[in-house]
N, C-alpha and C. Protein backbone atom coordinates (compact mmCIF):
# COMPACT_ATOMS: atom_id res chain seq x y z
N MET A 1 -4.83 -8.10 -11.59
CA MET A 1 -6.03 -7.32 -11.45
C MET A 1 -5.98 -6.17 -12.44
N ASN A 2 -7.09 -5.89 -13.11
CA ASN A 2 -7.16 -4.87 -14.13
C ASN A 2 -7.92 -3.66 -13.60
N SER A 3 -7.22 -2.68 -13.06
CA SER A 3 -7.88 -1.51 -12.48
C SER A 3 -8.41 -0.60 -13.57
N SER A 4 -9.27 0.35 -13.19
CA SER A 4 -9.83 1.28 -14.17
C SER A 4 -8.75 2.17 -14.78
N ARG A 5 -7.61 2.31 -14.08
CA ARG A 5 -6.52 3.14 -14.60
C ARG A 5 -5.83 2.46 -15.78
N THR A 6 -5.80 1.14 -15.79
CA THR A 6 -5.09 0.42 -16.86
C THR A 6 -6.04 -0.24 -17.86
N ARG A 7 -7.32 -0.25 -17.57
CA ARG A 7 -8.29 -0.90 -18.46
C ARG A 7 -8.80 0.08 -19.52
N LYS A 8 -8.77 -0.35 -20.77
CA LYS A 8 -9.31 0.48 -21.85
C LYS A 8 -10.83 0.46 -21.78
N PRO A 9 -11.47 1.57 -22.17
CA PRO A 9 -12.93 1.59 -22.19
C PRO A 9 -13.47 0.58 -23.20
N ASP A 10 -14.58 -0.04 -22.85
CA ASP A 10 -15.26 -0.96 -23.75
C ASP A 10 -16.22 -0.13 -24.60
N VAL A 11 -15.80 0.19 -25.82
CA VAL A 11 -16.59 1.08 -26.67
C VAL A 11 -17.74 0.37 -27.40
N THR A 12 -17.91 -0.92 -27.16
CA THR A 12 -19.01 -1.62 -27.84
C THR A 12 -20.37 -1.07 -27.41
N SER A 13 -20.45 -0.50 -26.22
CA SER A 13 -21.72 0.06 -25.76
C SER A 13 -21.72 1.59 -25.79
N LEU A 14 -20.76 2.18 -26.47
CA LEU A 14 -20.64 3.63 -26.51
C LEU A 14 -21.80 4.27 -27.25
N GLU A 15 -22.44 5.21 -26.61
CA GLU A 15 -23.45 6.06 -27.24
C GLU A 15 -22.81 7.44 -27.34
N PRO A 16 -22.34 7.84 -28.54
CA PRO A 16 -21.61 9.09 -28.67
C PRO A 16 -22.33 10.31 -28.07
N ALA A 17 -23.64 10.34 -28.15
CA ALA A 17 -24.40 11.48 -27.62
C ALA A 17 -24.30 11.58 -26.11
N ALA A 18 -23.96 10.48 -25.44
CA ALA A 18 -23.87 10.47 -23.98
C ALA A 18 -22.50 10.93 -23.46
N VAL A 19 -21.54 11.10 -24.37
CA VAL A 19 -20.19 11.52 -23.97
C VAL A 19 -20.10 13.04 -24.04
N ASP A 20 -19.48 13.65 -23.04
CA ASP A 20 -19.24 15.09 -23.03
C ASP A 20 -17.95 15.35 -23.81
N TRP A 21 -18.09 15.47 -25.13
CA TRP A 21 -16.93 15.62 -26.00
C TRP A 21 -16.33 17.02 -25.85
N GLN A 22 -15.01 17.08 -25.82
CA GLN A 22 -14.27 18.34 -25.76
C GLN A 22 -13.38 18.44 -26.99
N MET A 23 -13.48 19.55 -27.73
CA MET A 23 -12.66 19.73 -28.92
C MET A 23 -11.24 20.15 -28.51
N SER A 24 -10.28 19.71 -29.27
CA SER A 24 -8.89 20.05 -29.02
C SER A 24 -8.71 21.56 -28.98
N SER A 25 -7.91 22.03 -28.05
CA SER A 25 -7.63 23.47 -27.97
C SER A 25 -6.75 23.91 -29.15
N PHE A 26 -6.18 22.96 -29.88
CA PHE A 26 -5.39 23.29 -31.04
C PHE A 26 -6.23 23.40 -32.30
N SER A 27 -7.52 23.17 -32.20
CA SER A 27 -8.41 23.28 -33.34
C SER A 27 -8.49 24.74 -33.77
N ASN A 28 -8.49 24.95 -35.08
CA ASN A 28 -8.57 26.32 -35.56
C ASN A 28 -10.01 26.78 -35.76
N GLY A 29 -10.98 25.91 -35.53
CA GLY A 29 -12.38 26.28 -35.66
C GLY A 29 -12.87 26.39 -37.10
N ALA A 30 -12.01 26.10 -38.06
CA ALA A 30 -12.38 26.23 -39.47
C ALA A 30 -12.94 24.93 -40.05
N GLY A 31 -13.13 23.92 -39.22
CA GLY A 31 -13.74 22.68 -39.69
C GLY A 31 -12.77 21.63 -40.20
N GLY A 32 -11.52 21.76 -39.93
CA GLY A 32 -10.57 20.75 -40.39
C GLY A 32 -9.63 20.32 -39.29
N MET A 33 -9.08 19.14 -39.42
CA MET A 33 -8.06 18.60 -38.53
C MET A 33 -8.40 18.75 -37.05
N CYS A 34 -9.59 18.40 -36.67
CA CYS A 34 -10.01 18.53 -35.27
C CYS A 34 -10.27 17.15 -34.66
N VAL A 35 -9.87 17.00 -33.43
CA VAL A 35 -10.22 15.80 -32.68
C VAL A 35 -10.99 16.22 -31.44
N GLU A 36 -11.83 15.31 -30.98
CA GLU A 36 -12.58 15.52 -29.76
C GLU A 36 -12.27 14.36 -28.83
N ALA A 37 -12.22 14.65 -27.54
CA ALA A 37 -11.96 13.63 -26.54
C ALA A 37 -13.00 13.75 -25.43
N GLY A 38 -13.27 12.63 -24.80
CA GLY A 38 -14.20 12.62 -23.67
C GLY A 38 -13.93 11.42 -22.79
N THR A 39 -14.49 11.44 -21.61
CA THR A 39 -14.33 10.29 -20.71
C THR A 39 -15.50 9.33 -20.91
N PHE A 40 -15.18 8.05 -20.80
CA PHE A 40 -16.19 7.01 -20.98
C PHE A 40 -15.69 5.73 -20.33
N ASP A 41 -16.54 5.09 -19.55
CA ASP A 41 -16.24 3.77 -18.99
C ASP A 41 -14.88 3.73 -18.29
N GLY A 42 -14.54 4.79 -17.57
CA GLY A 42 -13.30 4.79 -16.82
C GLY A 42 -12.04 5.12 -17.60
N GLY A 43 -12.18 5.52 -18.85
CA GLY A 43 -11.02 5.86 -19.67
C GLY A 43 -11.31 7.07 -20.52
N VAL A 44 -10.59 7.20 -21.61
CA VAL A 44 -10.74 8.33 -22.52
C VAL A 44 -11.01 7.80 -23.92
N VAL A 45 -11.95 8.45 -24.61
CA VAL A 45 -12.26 8.11 -25.99
C VAL A 45 -11.98 9.33 -26.86
N VAL A 46 -11.56 9.08 -28.10
CA VAL A 46 -11.19 10.15 -29.03
C VAL A 46 -11.85 9.85 -30.37
N ARG A 47 -12.33 10.93 -31.02
CA ARG A 47 -12.94 10.77 -32.35
C ARG A 47 -12.59 11.95 -33.23
N ASP A 48 -12.81 11.79 -34.52
CA ASP A 48 -12.62 12.84 -35.51
C ASP A 48 -13.87 13.70 -35.50
N SER A 49 -13.73 15.00 -35.25
CA SER A 49 -14.91 15.86 -35.15
C SER A 49 -15.66 15.99 -36.47
N LYS A 50 -14.99 15.74 -37.59
CA LYS A 50 -15.66 15.80 -38.89
C LYS A 50 -16.50 14.56 -39.15
N ASN A 51 -16.28 13.50 -38.37
CA ASN A 51 -17.00 12.26 -38.55
C ASN A 51 -17.45 11.73 -37.19
N PRO A 52 -18.38 12.42 -36.52
CA PRO A 52 -18.76 12.05 -35.15
C PRO A 52 -19.37 10.67 -35.01
N GLY A 53 -19.89 10.11 -36.08
CA GLY A 53 -20.46 8.77 -36.02
C GLY A 53 -19.47 7.69 -36.43
N GLY A 54 -18.24 8.10 -36.72
CA GLY A 54 -17.23 7.16 -37.20
C GLY A 54 -16.50 6.46 -36.07
N PRO A 55 -15.35 5.91 -36.39
CA PRO A 55 -14.58 5.13 -35.41
C PRO A 55 -14.17 5.97 -34.19
N VAL A 56 -14.03 5.29 -33.08
CA VAL A 56 -13.60 5.91 -31.83
C VAL A 56 -12.39 5.15 -31.31
N LEU A 57 -11.36 5.88 -30.93
CA LEU A 57 -10.19 5.27 -30.30
C LEU A 57 -10.40 5.30 -28.80
N SER A 58 -9.95 4.27 -28.11
CA SER A 58 -10.10 4.24 -26.65
C SER A 58 -8.74 4.06 -25.99
N PHE A 59 -8.60 4.72 -24.83
CA PHE A 59 -7.35 4.69 -24.08
C PHE A 59 -7.66 4.54 -22.60
N SER A 60 -6.83 3.78 -21.90
CA SER A 60 -6.96 3.74 -20.44
C SER A 60 -6.50 5.10 -19.91
N LYS A 61 -6.81 5.37 -18.66
CA LYS A 61 -6.37 6.63 -18.06
C LYS A 61 -4.85 6.74 -18.07
N ALA A 62 -4.16 5.62 -17.82
CA ALA A 62 -2.70 5.61 -17.80
C ALA A 62 -2.13 5.89 -19.20
N GLU A 63 -2.71 5.30 -20.23
CA GLU A 63 -2.25 5.54 -21.59
C GLU A 63 -2.45 7.00 -21.98
N TRP A 64 -3.62 7.56 -21.64
CA TRP A 64 -3.91 8.95 -21.97
C TRP A 64 -2.95 9.88 -21.23
N ALA A 65 -2.70 9.60 -19.96
CA ALA A 65 -1.78 10.43 -19.17
C ALA A 65 -0.38 10.40 -19.77
N ALA A 66 0.06 9.24 -20.24
CA ALA A 66 1.39 9.13 -20.86
C ALA A 66 1.44 9.92 -22.16
N PHE A 67 0.36 9.88 -22.94
CA PHE A 67 0.30 10.65 -24.19
C PHE A 67 0.37 12.14 -23.90
N VAL A 68 -0.46 12.62 -22.98
CA VAL A 68 -0.48 14.05 -22.64
C VAL A 68 0.88 14.49 -22.11
N ASP A 69 1.48 13.66 -21.26
CA ASP A 69 2.80 13.97 -20.72
C ASP A 69 3.83 14.10 -21.84
N GLY A 70 3.78 13.18 -22.79
CA GLY A 70 4.71 13.23 -23.91
C GLY A 70 4.54 14.48 -24.75
N VAL A 71 3.30 14.89 -24.99
CA VAL A 71 3.05 16.12 -25.75
C VAL A 71 3.57 17.32 -24.98
N GLU A 72 3.24 17.39 -23.70
CA GLU A 72 3.65 18.53 -22.89
C GLU A 72 5.17 18.64 -22.75
N ASN A 73 5.86 17.51 -22.82
CA ASN A 73 7.33 17.50 -22.67
C ASN A 73 8.07 17.54 -24.02
N GLY A 74 7.34 17.77 -25.10
CA GLY A 74 7.96 17.91 -26.41
C GLY A 74 8.44 16.62 -27.03
N GLU A 75 7.93 15.48 -26.55
CA GLU A 75 8.35 14.19 -27.10
C GLU A 75 7.62 13.84 -28.40
N MET A 76 6.58 14.59 -28.70
CA MET A 76 5.79 14.34 -29.92
C MET A 76 6.08 15.46 -30.92
N ARG A 77 6.24 15.09 -32.15
CA ARG A 77 6.45 16.08 -33.22
C ARG A 77 5.26 16.00 -34.16
N PHE A 78 4.62 17.13 -34.34
CA PHE A 78 3.45 17.18 -35.22
C PHE A 78 3.71 18.07 -36.40
């Protein structure tokens, strides 16, 4: 069974204007290197704020939680 926690959002029907996009708190506000994330179809979608009509990455809730956990625990190096 594929629950909403493990299912990736189906972005084929994504209307970007319908997503409540949130800009990264690490954004410097100067117009560069910014990502936006929002919830959609039971998961999380991410896009480049400089190209809002461009490609969108999709993650299940479990994948997104694992990513955030890794960042918060210093497992990611940027």
